[in-house]
Amino acid sequence: MRSFCKATLVAALLVVLAAAVATSAQAQETEVYTFEEPAKDALFKELITELRCPKCQNQSIADSDAELARDLRDRTYLMVQRGASKQEVIDYMVARYGDFVHYQPPMTVATSILWWGPFAVLAIGALVVLVRVRSQRKTEVELSDEDRARLEHLRSAQQEDKDS
C-alpha cells in the first residue's frame, strides 16, 4: 500500500513537472521577424500596431498573445516581405475580417451614424425641451369685471383684517 502511494505521488509530481516545462517552453517562444530593408521593418511594425486582433477586441495584433493574432502577424510579415503596400495589407485584412480589424475604419453611413447619432439625439432632445418650455409660458390674461370685483372685495377684506 505504501509503495502505491509513493508511486502515485511520483507520477503526480512528474505530470506537474512536465506541465511546467511545457508551459515555460511555450511562454519563452518569441517571434522574430527580420527584414533586409529598414523600410519594410518600419512598415511591418506600423501595420501590426494599426491592426486589431478580432479575438481580443481591443488589442492590436502586436500586443495580443492569441493564436489568431499570431497568424495575422505571420500573414502581415509574409505580405510585407513580398512587397505589399500598407493599403494592400489593410485591404486584405479588412476583406477577410471586416472593418473591425482596422483601428481607423473608413467613414461610411454606419460609422457616421455611430459618430453623429448621439449629437443628433441631444440636439433633437434640446429642441423638444425648448418647444415645450416656450409653449408652456403663461401669457397675461385680462381679468373680467366680475374677477376684478372679487379681487377688490378680497383686498378690502384683507385690509380691514390688518387694520383691526
N, C-alpha and C. Protein backbone atom coordinates (compact mmCIF):
# COMPACT_ATOMS: atom_id res chain seq x y z
N MET A 1 0.83 -1.19 0.00
CA MET A 1 0.00 0.00 0.00
C MET A 1 0.87 1.26 0.00
N ARG A 2 1.94 1.18 0.80
CA ARG A 2 2.82 2.32 0.94
C ARG A 2 3.55 2.61 -0.38
N SER A 3 3.96 1.58 -1.08
CA SER A 3 4.67 1.76 -2.35
C SER A 3 3.71 2.33 -3.42
N PHE A 4 2.42 1.96 -3.33
CA PHE A 4 1.42 2.50 -4.26
C PHE A 4 1.28 4.02 -4.08
N CYS A 5 1.26 4.47 -2.83
CA CYS A 5 1.15 5.91 -2.54
C CYS A 5 2.38 6.65 -3.05
N LYS A 6 3.58 6.04 -2.88
CA LYS A 6 4.80 6.67 -3.37
C LYS A 6 4.77 6.76 -4.89
N ALA A 7 4.34 5.68 -5.52
CA ALA A 7 4.30 5.65 -6.98
C ALA A 7 3.31 6.70 -7.51
N THR A 8 2.18 6.81 -6.83
CA THR A 8 1.17 7.79 -7.24
C THR A 8 1.70 9.21 -7.05
N LEU A 9 2.36 9.46 -5.95
CA LEU A 9 2.93 10.77 -5.68
C LEU A 9 4.00 11.12 -6.70
N VAL A 10 4.87 10.17 -7.02
CA VAL A 10 5.92 10.40 -8.01
C VAL A 10 5.30 10.68 -9.38
N ALA A 11 4.27 9.92 -9.75
CA ALA A 11 3.61 10.13 -11.04
C ALA A 11 2.97 11.52 -11.10
N ALA A 12 2.33 11.91 -10.01
CA ALA A 12 1.69 13.23 -9.97
C ALA A 12 2.73 14.34 -10.08
N LEU A 13 3.84 14.19 -9.40
CA LEU A 13 4.91 15.18 -9.49
C LEU A 13 5.49 15.26 -10.89
N LEU A 14 5.64 14.11 -11.55
CA LEU A 14 6.14 14.11 -12.92
C LEU A 14 5.18 14.81 -13.88
N VAL A 15 3.89 14.61 -13.69
CA VAL A 15 2.90 15.29 -14.54
C VAL A 15 2.97 16.80 -14.33
N VAL A 16 3.05 17.23 -13.08
CA VAL A 16 3.14 18.67 -12.78
C VAL A 16 4.42 19.25 -13.36
N LEU A 17 5.54 18.53 -13.21
CA LEU A 17 6.81 18.98 -13.75
C LEU A 17 6.77 19.08 -15.27
N ALA A 18 6.18 18.10 -15.92
CA ALA A 18 6.08 18.10 -17.38
C ALA A 18 5.21 19.27 -17.85
N ALA A 19 4.12 19.54 -17.14
CA ALA A 19 3.26 20.67 -17.50
C ALA A 19 3.99 21.98 -17.32
N ALA A 20 4.76 22.11 -16.26
CA ALA A 20 5.51 23.34 -16.01
C ALA A 20 6.56 23.57 -17.10
N VAL A 21 7.25 22.51 -17.49
CA VAL A 21 8.27 22.63 -18.53
C VAL A 21 7.61 23.00 -19.86
N ALA A 22 6.51 22.37 -20.19
CA ALA A 22 5.82 22.66 -21.44
C ALA A 22 5.31 24.10 -21.47
N THR A 23 4.78 24.55 -20.35
CA THR A 23 4.26 25.92 -20.27
C THR A 23 5.38 26.93 -20.38
N SER A 24 6.50 26.68 -19.70
CA SER A 24 7.60 27.64 -19.76
C SER A 24 8.24 27.65 -21.14
N ALA A 25 8.28 26.53 -21.80
CA ALA A 25 8.83 26.49 -23.16
C ALA A 25 7.94 27.27 -24.11
N GLN A 26 6.65 27.15 -23.92
CA GLN A 26 5.72 27.88 -24.77
C GLN A 26 5.79 29.37 -24.48
N ALA A 27 5.93 29.75 -23.21
CA ALA A 27 5.98 31.16 -22.83
C ALA A 27 7.26 31.81 -23.34
N GLN A 28 8.34 31.05 -23.46
CA GLN A 28 9.60 31.62 -23.91
C GLN A 28 9.68 31.72 -25.42
N GLU A 29 8.75 31.12 -26.11
CA GLU A 29 8.75 31.16 -27.56
C GLU A 29 8.46 32.58 -28.01
N THR A 30 9.44 33.21 -28.65
CA THR A 30 9.25 34.57 -29.12
C THR A 30 9.33 34.57 -30.63
N GLU A 31 8.62 35.49 -31.19
CA GLU A 31 8.61 35.59 -32.64
C GLU A 31 9.65 36.62 -33.05
N VAL A 32 10.40 36.27 -34.04
CA VAL A 32 11.40 37.19 -34.57
C VAL A 32 11.10 37.39 -36.04
N TYR A 33 10.83 38.62 -36.39
CA TYR A 33 10.55 38.96 -37.78
C TYR A 33 11.71 39.83 -38.27
N THR A 34 12.47 39.32 -39.20
CA THR A 34 13.62 40.07 -39.70
C THR A 34 13.37 40.49 -41.14
N PHE A 35 13.84 41.67 -41.43
CA PHE A 35 13.70 42.24 -42.77
C PHE A 35 15.07 42.72 -43.24
N GLU A 36 15.29 42.61 -44.52
CA GLU A 36 16.56 43.10 -45.08
C GLU A 36 16.52 44.61 -45.25
N GLU A 37 15.33 45.15 -45.42
CA GLU A 37 15.20 46.59 -45.63
C GLU A 37 14.56 47.23 -44.40
N PRO A 38 15.13 48.32 -43.90
CA PRO A 38 14.54 49.01 -42.73
C PRO A 38 13.14 49.56 -43.01
N ALA A 39 12.86 49.92 -44.27
CA ALA A 39 11.54 50.44 -44.62
C ALA A 39 10.47 49.37 -44.43
N LYS A 40 10.79 48.14 -44.81
CA LYS A 40 9.83 47.04 -44.62
C LYS A 40 9.63 46.74 -43.14
N ASP A 41 10.69 46.83 -42.37
CA ASP A 41 10.59 46.62 -40.92
C ASP A 41 9.69 47.68 -40.30
N ALA A 42 9.88 48.93 -40.70
CA ALA A 42 9.05 50.02 -40.17
C ALA A 42 7.60 49.85 -40.59
N LEU A 43 7.37 49.43 -41.83
CA LEU A 43 6.01 49.21 -42.32
C LEU A 43 5.34 48.07 -41.53
N PHE A 44 6.07 47.00 -41.30
CA PHE A 44 5.54 45.87 -40.54
C PHE A 44 5.14 46.31 -39.13
N LYS A 45 6.01 47.02 -38.46
CA LYS A 45 5.71 47.48 -37.10
C LYS A 45 4.51 48.41 -37.08
N GLU A 46 4.41 49.27 -38.08
CA GLU A 46 3.27 50.19 -38.16
C GLU A 46 1.97 49.41 -38.37
N LEU A 47 2.02 48.43 -39.25
CA LEU A 47 0.82 47.64 -39.55
C LEU A 47 0.35 46.82 -38.35
N ILE A 48 1.28 46.18 -37.64
CA ILE A 48 0.83 45.32 -36.54
C ILE A 48 0.32 46.12 -35.35
N THR A 49 0.67 47.40 -35.27
CA THR A 49 0.08 48.23 -34.21
C THR A 49 -1.23 48.86 -34.67
N GLU A 50 -1.43 48.93 -35.98
CA GLU A 50 -2.64 49.55 -36.53
C GLU A 50 -3.77 48.54 -36.75
N LEU A 51 -3.44 47.27 -36.76
CA LEU A 51 -4.46 46.23 -36.96
C LEU A 51 -4.87 45.64 -35.62
N ARG A 52 -6.18 45.47 -35.45
CA ARG A 52 -6.75 44.98 -34.18
C ARG A 52 -6.96 43.48 -34.25
N CYS A 53 -6.74 42.82 -33.12
CA CYS A 53 -6.98 41.39 -33.03
C CYS A 53 -8.50 41.16 -32.96
N PRO A 54 -9.07 40.42 -33.91
CA PRO A 54 -10.52 40.18 -33.88
C PRO A 54 -10.98 39.39 -32.65
N LYS A 55 -10.10 38.62 -32.07
CA LYS A 55 -10.47 37.81 -30.92
C LYS A 55 -10.38 38.60 -29.62
N CYS A 56 -9.39 39.45 -29.50
CA CYS A 56 -9.11 40.14 -28.23
C CYS A 56 -9.87 41.46 -28.08
N GLN A 57 -10.61 41.85 -29.04
CA GLN A 57 -11.45 43.04 -29.03
C GLN A 57 -10.67 44.34 -29.07
N ASN A 58 -9.87 44.66 -28.08
CA ASN A 58 -9.25 45.98 -28.07
C ASN A 58 -7.74 45.90 -27.89
N GLN A 59 -7.11 44.93 -28.54
CA GLN A 59 -5.66 44.83 -28.54
C GLN A 59 -5.20 44.76 -29.98
N SER A 60 -4.08 45.40 -30.23
CA SER A 60 -3.51 45.28 -31.58
C SER A 60 -2.92 43.88 -31.74
N ILE A 61 -2.67 43.51 -32.98
CA ILE A 61 -2.08 42.18 -33.18
C ILE A 61 -0.64 42.15 -32.66
N ALA A 62 -0.04 43.31 -32.45
CA ALA A 62 1.31 43.36 -31.86
C ALA A 62 1.26 43.01 -30.38
N ASP A 63 0.20 43.42 -29.70
CA ASP A 63 0.10 43.24 -28.24
C ASP A 63 -0.57 41.93 -27.84
N SER A 64 -1.32 41.34 -28.74
CA SER A 64 -2.11 40.16 -28.39
C SER A 64 -1.29 38.88 -28.42
N ASP A 65 -1.60 37.99 -27.47
CA ASP A 65 -0.95 36.67 -27.44
C ASP A 65 -1.83 35.58 -28.05
N ALA A 66 -2.97 35.95 -28.59
CA ALA A 66 -3.90 34.97 -29.14
C ALA A 66 -3.30 34.31 -30.39
N GLU A 67 -3.71 33.09 -30.61
CA GLU A 67 -3.24 32.34 -31.78
C GLU A 67 -3.61 33.06 -33.07
N LEU A 68 -4.82 33.63 -33.10
CA LEU A 68 -5.27 34.36 -34.29
C LEU A 68 -4.38 35.57 -34.54
N ALA A 69 -4.00 36.29 -33.50
CA ALA A 69 -3.12 37.45 -33.66
C ALA A 69 -1.76 37.01 -34.20
N ARG A 70 -1.28 35.88 -33.73
CA ARG A 70 0.00 35.35 -34.24
C ARG A 70 -0.13 35.04 -35.73
N ASP A 71 -1.24 34.44 -36.13
CA ASP A 71 -1.47 34.15 -37.55
C ASP A 71 -1.52 35.44 -38.37
N LEU A 72 -2.18 36.46 -37.82
CA LEU A 72 -2.27 37.74 -38.54
C LEU A 72 -0.90 38.41 -38.65
N ARG A 73 -0.09 38.31 -37.60
CA ARG A 73 1.28 38.86 -37.68
C ARG A 73 2.08 38.11 -38.75
N ASP A 74 1.94 36.78 -38.77
CA ASP A 74 2.66 35.99 -39.77
C ASP A 74 2.23 36.37 -41.19
N ARG A 75 0.95 36.52 -41.37
CA ARG A 75 0.43 36.88 -42.69
C ARG A 75 0.90 38.28 -43.09
N THR A 76 0.88 39.21 -42.14
CA THR A 76 1.37 40.56 -42.42
C THR A 76 2.85 40.52 -42.79
N TYR A 77 3.62 39.73 -42.05
CA TYR A 77 5.04 39.58 -42.34
C TYR A 77 5.26 39.08 -43.77
N LEU A 78 4.53 38.03 -44.14
CA LEU A 78 4.68 37.47 -45.49
C LEU A 78 4.32 38.49 -46.56
N MET A 79 3.23 39.20 -46.34
CA MET A 79 2.80 40.18 -47.34
C MET A 79 3.81 41.32 -47.48
N VAL A 80 4.34 41.79 -46.35
CA VAL A 80 5.33 42.86 -46.41
C VAL A 80 6.61 42.35 -47.06
N GLN A 81 7.02 41.13 -46.75
CA GLN A 81 8.22 40.53 -47.37
C GLN A 81 8.05 40.45 -48.89
N ARG A 82 6.83 40.15 -49.33
CA ARG A 82 6.57 40.02 -50.77
C ARG A 82 6.40 41.37 -51.46
N GLY A 83 6.45 42.46 -50.68
CA GLY A 83 6.40 43.78 -51.29
C GLY A 83 5.02 44.43 -51.30
N ALA A 84 4.08 43.91 -50.53
CA ALA A 84 2.74 44.50 -50.50
C ALA A 84 2.81 45.87 -49.81
N SER A 85 1.98 46.78 -50.29
CA SER A 85 1.93 48.11 -49.68
C SER A 85 1.08 48.07 -48.42
N LYS A 86 1.14 49.14 -47.67
CA LYS A 86 0.35 49.24 -46.44
C LYS A 86 -1.14 49.06 -46.75
N GLN A 87 -1.60 49.74 -47.78
CA GLN A 87 -3.02 49.68 -48.12
C GLN A 87 -3.42 48.29 -48.59
N GLU A 88 -2.55 47.61 -49.29
CA GLU A 88 -2.86 46.24 -49.74
C GLU A 88 -3.03 45.30 -48.54
N VAL A 89 -2.16 45.43 -47.56
CA VAL A 89 -2.26 44.57 -46.37
C VAL A 89 -3.55 44.89 -45.62
N ILE A 90 -3.84 46.18 -45.45
CA ILE A 90 -5.06 46.59 -44.74
C ILE A 90 -6.30 46.10 -45.49
N ASP A 91 -6.30 46.27 -46.82
CA ASP A 91 -7.44 45.82 -47.62
C ASP A 91 -7.65 44.31 -47.50
N TYR A 92 -6.56 43.55 -47.48
CA TYR A 92 -6.66 42.10 -47.33
C TYR A 92 -7.29 41.74 -45.98
N MET A 93 -6.79 42.37 -44.93
CA MET A 93 -7.30 42.07 -43.58
C MET A 93 -8.75 42.49 -43.42
N VAL A 94 -9.11 43.64 -43.96
CA VAL A 94 -10.50 44.12 -43.87
C VAL A 94 -11.42 43.21 -44.67
N ALA A 95 -10.97 42.78 -45.85
CA ALA A 95 -11.79 41.88 -46.66
C ALA A 95 -12.01 40.55 -45.93
N ARG A 96 -11.03 40.13 -45.20
CA ARG A 96 -11.13 38.83 -44.51
C ARG A 96 -11.84 38.92 -43.16
N TYR A 97 -11.60 40.01 -42.41
CA TYR A 97 -12.11 40.10 -41.03
C TYR A 97 -13.08 41.26 -40.79
N GLY A 98 -13.31 42.09 -41.79
CA GLY A 98 -14.24 43.20 -41.64
C GLY A 98 -13.54 44.48 -41.17
N ASP A 99 -14.30 45.57 -41.16
CA ASP A 99 -13.75 46.88 -40.77
C ASP A 99 -13.23 46.89 -39.34
N PHE A 100 -13.75 46.00 -38.51
CA PHE A 100 -13.36 45.97 -37.10
C PHE A 100 -11.86 45.75 -36.92
N VAL A 101 -11.22 45.04 -37.85
CA VAL A 101 -9.82 44.69 -37.70
C VAL A 101 -8.90 45.91 -37.82
N HIS A 102 -9.42 46.98 -38.39
CA HIS A 102 -8.60 48.19 -38.57
C HIS A 102 -9.01 49.25 -37.55
N TYR A 103 -8.03 49.79 -36.85
CA TYR A 103 -8.34 50.80 -35.82
C TYR A 103 -8.86 52.11 -36.43
N GLN A 104 -8.67 52.31 -37.71
CA GLN A 104 -9.16 53.52 -38.37
C GLN A 104 -10.11 53.12 -39.50
N PRO A 105 -11.34 52.73 -39.15
CA PRO A 105 -12.27 52.27 -40.19
C PRO A 105 -12.68 53.43 -41.09
N PRO A 106 -13.08 53.11 -42.32
CA PRO A 106 -13.48 54.17 -43.25
C PRO A 106 -14.80 54.80 -42.81
N MET A 107 -15.00 56.05 -43.22
CA MET A 107 -16.24 56.75 -42.89
C MET A 107 -17.34 56.26 -43.84
N THR A 108 -18.29 55.53 -43.30
CA THR A 108 -19.42 55.03 -44.06
C THR A 108 -20.69 55.55 -43.40
N VAL A 109 -21.83 55.20 -43.96
CA VAL A 109 -23.10 55.61 -43.35
C VAL A 109 -23.21 55.04 -41.94
N ALA A 110 -22.82 53.79 -41.77
CA ALA A 110 -22.92 53.15 -40.45
C ALA A 110 -22.02 53.85 -39.43
N THR A 111 -20.77 54.14 -39.81
CA THR A 111 -19.89 54.79 -38.85
C THR A 111 -20.29 56.24 -38.62
N SER A 112 -20.87 56.88 -39.63
CA SER A 112 -21.37 58.25 -39.45
C SER A 112 -22.49 58.28 -38.42
N ILE A 113 -23.38 57.30 -38.52
CA ILE A 113 -24.47 57.23 -37.54
C ILE A 113 -23.91 57.01 -36.14
N LEU A 114 -22.91 56.16 -36.02
CA LEU A 114 -22.31 55.91 -34.71
C LEU A 114 -21.64 57.16 -34.15
N TRP A 115 -20.99 57.95 -35.01
CA TRP A 115 -20.30 59.14 -34.53
C TRP A 115 -21.25 60.31 -34.30
N TRP A 116 -22.18 60.53 -35.21
CA TRP A 116 -23.02 61.73 -35.14
C TRP A 116 -24.38 61.48 -34.52
N GLY A 117 -24.79 60.23 -34.40
CA GLY A 117 -26.09 59.89 -33.83
C GLY A 117 -26.33 60.46 -32.44
N PRO A 118 -25.41 60.28 -31.50
CA PRO A 118 -25.63 60.82 -30.15
C PRO A 118 -25.81 62.34 -30.14
N PHE A 119 -25.05 63.05 -30.98
CA PHE A 119 -25.19 64.51 -31.03
C PHE A 119 -26.55 64.90 -31.61
N ALA A 120 -27.00 64.14 -32.61
CA ALA A 120 -28.31 64.41 -33.21
C ALA A 120 -29.42 64.18 -32.19
N VAL A 121 -29.31 63.11 -31.42
CA VAL A 121 -30.31 62.82 -30.39
C VAL A 121 -30.33 63.93 -29.34
N LEU A 122 -29.16 64.40 -28.92
CA LEU A 122 -29.10 65.51 -27.96
C LEU A 122 -29.71 66.78 -28.53
N ALA A 123 -29.42 67.08 -29.79
CA ALA A 123 -29.97 68.29 -30.42
C ALA A 123 -31.50 68.20 -30.52
N ILE A 124 -32.00 67.04 -30.91
CA ILE A 124 -33.45 66.86 -31.01
C ILE A 124 -34.09 66.98 -29.62
N GLY A 125 -33.45 66.38 -28.62
CA GLY A 125 -33.97 66.49 -27.25
C GLY A 125 -33.99 67.92 -26.76
N ALA A 126 -32.94 68.68 -27.04
CA ALA A 126 -32.89 70.09 -26.64
C ALA A 126 -33.98 70.89 -27.36
N LEU A 127 -34.20 70.58 -28.62
CA LEU A 127 -35.24 71.26 -29.39
C LEU A 127 -36.63 70.96 -28.81
N VAL A 128 -36.88 69.72 -28.46
CA VAL A 128 -38.17 69.34 -27.87
C VAL A 128 -38.38 70.07 -26.54
N VAL A 129 -37.35 70.12 -25.72
CA VAL A 129 -37.45 70.82 -24.43
C VAL A 129 -37.72 72.30 -24.66
N LEU A 130 -37.02 72.90 -25.59
CA LEU A 130 -37.20 74.32 -25.89
C LEU A 130 -38.62 74.61 -26.36
N VAL A 131 -39.14 73.79 -27.25
CA VAL A 131 -40.51 74.00 -27.76
C VAL A 131 -41.52 73.84 -26.63
N ARG A 132 -41.33 72.85 -25.77
CA ARG A 132 -42.28 72.64 -24.66
C ARG A 132 -42.24 73.79 -23.66
N VAL A 133 -41.04 74.29 -23.38
CA VAL A 133 -40.91 75.40 -22.43
C VAL A 133 -41.59 76.64 -23.00
N ARG A 134 -41.37 76.90 -24.26
CA ARG A 134 -41.98 78.08 -24.89
C ARG A 134 -43.50 77.97 -24.95
N SER A 135 -43.99 76.77 -25.19
CA SER A 135 -45.45 76.61 -25.29
C SER A 135 -46.11 76.69 -23.91
N GLN A 136 -45.35 76.45 -22.86
CA GLN A 136 -45.93 76.48 -21.52
C GLN A 136 -45.80 77.84 -20.85
N ARG A 137 -45.19 78.80 -21.53
CA ARG A 137 -45.10 80.13 -20.95
C ARG A 137 -46.50 80.69 -20.76
N LYS A 138 -46.68 81.30 -19.61
CA LYS A 138 -48.00 81.83 -19.30
C LYS A 138 -48.12 83.25 -19.86
N THR A 139 -49.20 83.48 -20.51
CA THR A 139 -49.46 84.83 -21.02
C THR A 139 -50.42 85.51 -20.06
N GLU A 140 -50.28 86.83 -19.97
CA GLU A 140 -51.15 87.57 -19.06
C GLU A 140 -52.58 87.59 -19.62
N VAL A 141 -53.50 87.30 -18.75
CA VAL A 141 -54.90 87.25 -19.15
C VAL A 141 -55.61 88.43 -18.48
N GLU A 142 -56.41 89.13 -19.26
CA GLU A 142 -57.19 90.24 -18.71
C GLU A 142 -58.27 89.70 -17.79
N LEU A 143 -58.41 90.33 -16.63
CA LEU A 143 -59.45 89.91 -15.69
C LEU A 143 -60.80 90.44 -16.15
N SER A 144 -61.79 89.63 -15.95
CA SER A 144 -63.15 90.08 -16.28
C SER A 144 -63.61 91.04 -15.18
N ASP A 145 -64.71 91.77 -15.44
CA ASP A 145 -65.23 92.72 -14.45
C ASP A 145 -65.60 91.99 -13.16
N GLU A 146 -66.14 90.81 -13.30
CA GLU A 146 -66.55 90.03 -12.12
C GLU A 146 -65.32 89.64 -11.29
N ASP A 147 -64.22 89.21 -11.97
CA ASP A 147 -62.99 88.84 -11.27
C ASP A 147 -62.38 90.05 -10.57
N ARG A 148 -62.43 91.23 -11.23
CA ARG A 148 -61.89 92.44 -10.62
C ARG A 148 -62.67 92.80 -9.35
N ALA A 149 -63.98 92.66 -9.42
CA ALA A 149 -64.81 92.99 -8.26
C ALA A 149 -64.47 92.05 -7.10
N ARG A 150 -64.31 90.77 -7.39
CA ARG A 150 -63.96 89.82 -6.33
C ARG A 150 -62.59 90.12 -5.75
N LEU A 151 -61.64 90.50 -6.60
CA LEU A 151 -60.30 90.83 -6.15
C LEU A 151 -60.32 92.06 -5.25
N GLU A 152 -61.09 93.04 -5.63
CA GLU A 152 -61.21 94.25 -4.79
C GLU A 152 -61.85 93.90 -3.45
N HIS A 153 -62.87 93.07 -3.48
CA HIS A 153 -63.54 92.66 -2.25
C HIS A 153 -62.56 91.94 -1.32
N LEU A 154 -61.70 91.03 -1.89
CA LEU A 154 -60.73 90.31 -1.09
C LEU A 154 -59.66 91.25 -0.53
N ARG A 155 -59.21 92.19 -1.33
CA ARG A 155 -58.20 93.15 -0.87
C ARG A 155 -58.75 94.01 0.26
N SER A 156 -59.96 94.46 0.08
CA SER A 156 -60.53 95.33 1.14
C SER A 156 -60.76 94.52 2.41
N ALA A 157 -61.17 93.26 2.29
CA ALA A 157 -61.37 92.42 3.47
C ALA A 157 -60.02 92.17 4.15
N GLN A 158 -58.99 91.98 3.39
CA GLN A 158 -57.67 91.76 3.95
C GLN A 158 -57.17 93.03 4.64
N GLN A 159 -57.44 94.16 4.04
CA GLN A 159 -57.02 95.44 4.62
C GLN A 159 -57.74 95.68 5.94
N GLU A 160 -59.03 95.35 5.99
CA GLU A 160 -59.81 95.53 7.23
C GLU A 160 -59.27 94.63 8.33
N ASP A 161 -58.84 93.41 7.95
CA ASP A 161 -58.28 92.49 8.96
C ASP A 161 -56.97 93.05 9.52
N LYS A 162 -56.19 93.69 8.69
CA LYS A 162 -54.93 94.25 9.14
C LYS A 162 -55.18 95.45 10.06
N ASP A 163 -56.17 96.27 9.71
CA ASP A 163 -56.46 97.46 10.49
C ASP A 163 -57.03 97.12 11.86
N SER A 164 -57.71 96.05 11.96
CA SER A 164 -58.34 95.77 13.26
C SER A 164 -57.49 94.99 14.18
